[in-house]
Protein backbone atom coordinates (compact mmCIF):
# COMPACT_ATOMS: atom_id res chain seq x y z
CA MET A 1 -37.72 25.46 3.49
CA GLU A 2 -36.13 28.51 1.88
CA LYS A 3 -39.57 29.80 0.84
CA LYS A 4 -40.79 29.64 4.45
CA ARG A 5 -37.64 31.39 5.63
CA GLN A 6 -38.21 34.17 3.08
CA GLU A 7 -41.80 34.57 4.29
CA LEU A 8 -40.54 35.01 7.85
CA LYS A 9 -37.97 37.56 6.70
CA ASN A 10 -40.77 39.48 4.97
CA ILE A 11 -42.73 39.64 8.23
CA LEU A 12 -39.79 41.40 9.85
CA ALA A 13 -39.46 43.87 6.98
CA THR A 14 -43.21 44.58 6.90
CA ASN A 15 -43.05 45.50 10.59
CA ASN A 16 -40.03 47.79 10.07
CA TYR A 17 -37.48 45.50 11.71
CA LYS A 18 -34.08 44.94 10.20
CA LEU A 19 -32.92 41.43 9.55
CA THR A 20 -29.74 41.54 11.60
CA ALA A 21 -27.20 38.75 11.36
CA GLN A 22 -28.24 37.57 14.83
CA ARG A 23 -31.95 37.47 13.94
CA ASP A 24 -31.15 35.72 10.68
CA LEU A 25 -29.13 33.03 12.46
CA ILE A 26 -31.84 32.44 15.07
CA LEU A 27 -34.45 32.32 12.31
CA GLN A 28 -32.30 29.79 10.43
CA ILE A 29 -32.01 27.61 13.53
CA LEU A 30 -35.78 27.70 14.02
CA THR A 31 -36.47 26.77 10.41
CA ASP A 32 -33.80 24.03 10.45
CA ASN A 33 -35.42 22.57 13.58
CA GLU A 34 -39.05 23.02 12.53
CA GLY A 35 -41.30 20.67 14.44
CA GLU A 36 -38.99 20.73 17.45
CA HIS A 37 -39.90 22.45 20.69
CA LEU A 38 -36.66 24.19 21.57
CA SER A 39 -36.00 26.23 24.68
CA ALA A 40 -34.13 29.54 24.47
CA GLU A 41 -31.14 27.82 26.06
CA GLU A 42 -31.18 25.04 23.46
CA ILE A 43 -31.36 27.64 20.68
CA TYR A 44 -28.51 29.53 22.34
CA ASN A 45 -26.36 26.38 22.46
CA ILE A 46 -26.85 25.92 18.72
CA VAL A 47 -26.23 29.64 18.07
CA LYS A 48 -22.94 29.75 19.93
CA GLN A 49 -21.59 26.85 17.82
CA GLN A 50 -22.01 29.10 14.79
CA ASP A 51 -21.40 32.54 16.32
CA ASN A 52 -20.06 32.71 19.87
CA GLY A 53 -20.51 36.50 19.85
CA ILE A 54 -24.27 36.21 20.32
CA GLY A 55 -25.37 36.24 23.95
CA LEU A 56 -28.25 34.47 25.63
CA ALA A 57 -29.99 37.82 26.20
CA THR A 58 -30.00 38.43 22.43
CA VAL A 59 -31.64 35.04 21.90
CA TYR A 60 -34.34 35.88 24.48
CA ARG A 61 -34.98 39.33 22.98
CA THR A 62 -35.18 37.89 19.48
CA LEU A 63 -37.61 35.17 20.55
CA GLU A 64 -39.74 37.79 22.29
CA LEU A 65 -39.83 39.87 19.10
CA PHE A 66 -40.59 36.82 16.96
CA GLY A 67 -43.45 36.01 19.33
CA GLU A 68 -44.89 39.51 19.08
CA LEU A 69 -44.74 39.29 15.28
CA GLY A 70 -46.39 35.88 15.20
CA ILE A 71 -43.29 34.13 13.85
CA VAL A 72 -42.96 31.79 16.83
CA GLN A 73 -45.34 30.44 19.39
CA GLN A 74 -44.27 30.16 23.01
CA LEU A 75 -45.23 26.85 24.58
CA ASN A 76 -45.36 25.69 28.16
CA PHE A 77 -45.22 21.95 28.78
CA ASP A 78 -45.20 22.39 32.56
CA ASP A 79 -41.50 21.55 32.78
CA ASN A 80 -40.47 25.02 34.07
CA CYS A 81 -39.10 25.87 30.64
CA ARG A 82 -40.57 28.02 27.89
CA ARG A 83 -40.30 26.34 24.52
CA TYR A 84 -40.68 27.78 21.07
CA GLU A 85 -41.88 26.53 17.73
CA LEU A 86 -42.42 28.26 14.44
CA GLU A 87 -45.95 29.35 13.79
CA GLY A 88 -46.63 26.84 11.09
CA ASN A 89 -49.54 26.04 8.95
CA ASN A 90 -52.21 28.31 10.40
CA ASP A 91 -54.87 26.07 8.86
CA GLU A 92 -53.49 23.01 10.64
CA HIS A 93 -53.72 23.53 14.39
CA HIS A 94 -52.08 20.80 16.42
CA HIS A 95 -51.96 19.56 19.99
CA HIS A 96 -49.33 17.81 22.08
CA LEU A 97 -48.84 14.48 23.83
CA ILE A 98 -46.19 14.85 26.55
CA CYS A 99 -44.37 11.92 28.14
CA ILE A 100 -44.05 12.58 31.88
CA ASP A 101 -41.07 10.24 32.11
CA CYS A 102 -38.67 11.21 29.29
CA GLY A 103 -40.23 14.51 28.16
CA THR A 104 -40.88 13.42 24.58
CA VAL A 105 -43.42 15.68 22.86
CA ILE A 106 -45.57 14.29 20.06
CA GLU A 107 -47.67 16.61 17.90
CA PHE A 108 -51.06 15.49 16.66
CA ASN A 109 -54.13 16.88 14.98
CA ASP A 110 -57.52 15.29 15.54
CA GLN A 111 -60.70 16.19 13.70
CA ILE A 112 -62.79 15.19 16.73
CA LEU A 113 -61.19 18.01 18.76
CA GLU A 114 -61.73 20.48 15.91
CA ASP A 115 -65.39 19.42 15.71
CA PHE A 116 -65.66 19.77 19.51
CA GLU A 117 -64.38 23.35 19.26
CA ALA A 118 -66.95 24.15 16.56
CA ASP A 119 -69.70 22.64 18.75
CA LEU A 120 -68.59 24.78 21.71
CA GLU A 121 -68.69 27.92 19.61
CA LYS A 122 -72.15 27.13 18.30
CA GLY A 123 -73.58 25.83 21.58
CA TYR A 124 -72.38 28.75 23.67
CA ASN A 125 -72.45 31.48 21.02
CA PHE A 126 -68.76 31.96 21.72
CA SER A 127 -65.87 32.70 19.37
CA VAL A 128 -62.76 30.72 20.25
CA THR A 129 -59.64 32.62 19.26
CA GLU A 130 -57.03 30.34 20.78
CA HIS A 131 -56.71 27.10 22.68
CA SER A 132 -54.08 24.69 23.85
CA ILE A 133 -54.60 21.02 24.54
CA LYS A 134 -51.93 18.89 26.18
CA PHE A 135 -52.22 15.26 27.16
CA TYR A 136 -49.77 13.80 29.68
CA GLY A 137 -48.82 10.15 29.92
CA TYR A 138 -46.11 7.73 28.85
CA CYS A 139 -44.66 7.25 25.39
CA GLU A 140 -44.17 3.76 23.97
CA ASP A 141 -40.49 3.77 25.00
CA CYS A 142 -41.30 4.47 28.63
């Protein structure tokens, strides 16, 4: 975990951004909650438990910067809330199953979808640079 955190700090330095205490705390929260899909407000609620001097606007600005630098990915699960996750293993793209009852989000990776993307590229002479696949339904608890 610390290695990943150091890599993210290096991205900031490489792009001539200082690692402020606020950015460091938000980065720590993201790494501690890796695999979660936190909203800015959820991150803010965790932040203020550790430093109540950081405002919600600072959290939003930091997430925007982290997005521009490729540190986080902004997600939209059609719940009127932007969510964020660390840009993880670039070689392991994943998709999401979203429960329409309780909001649970399950990540998955499926080789069939990766093969489908390769077939699309070949069949249409098209280079896919990004995609997002979300399936909606009910989790086993609902």
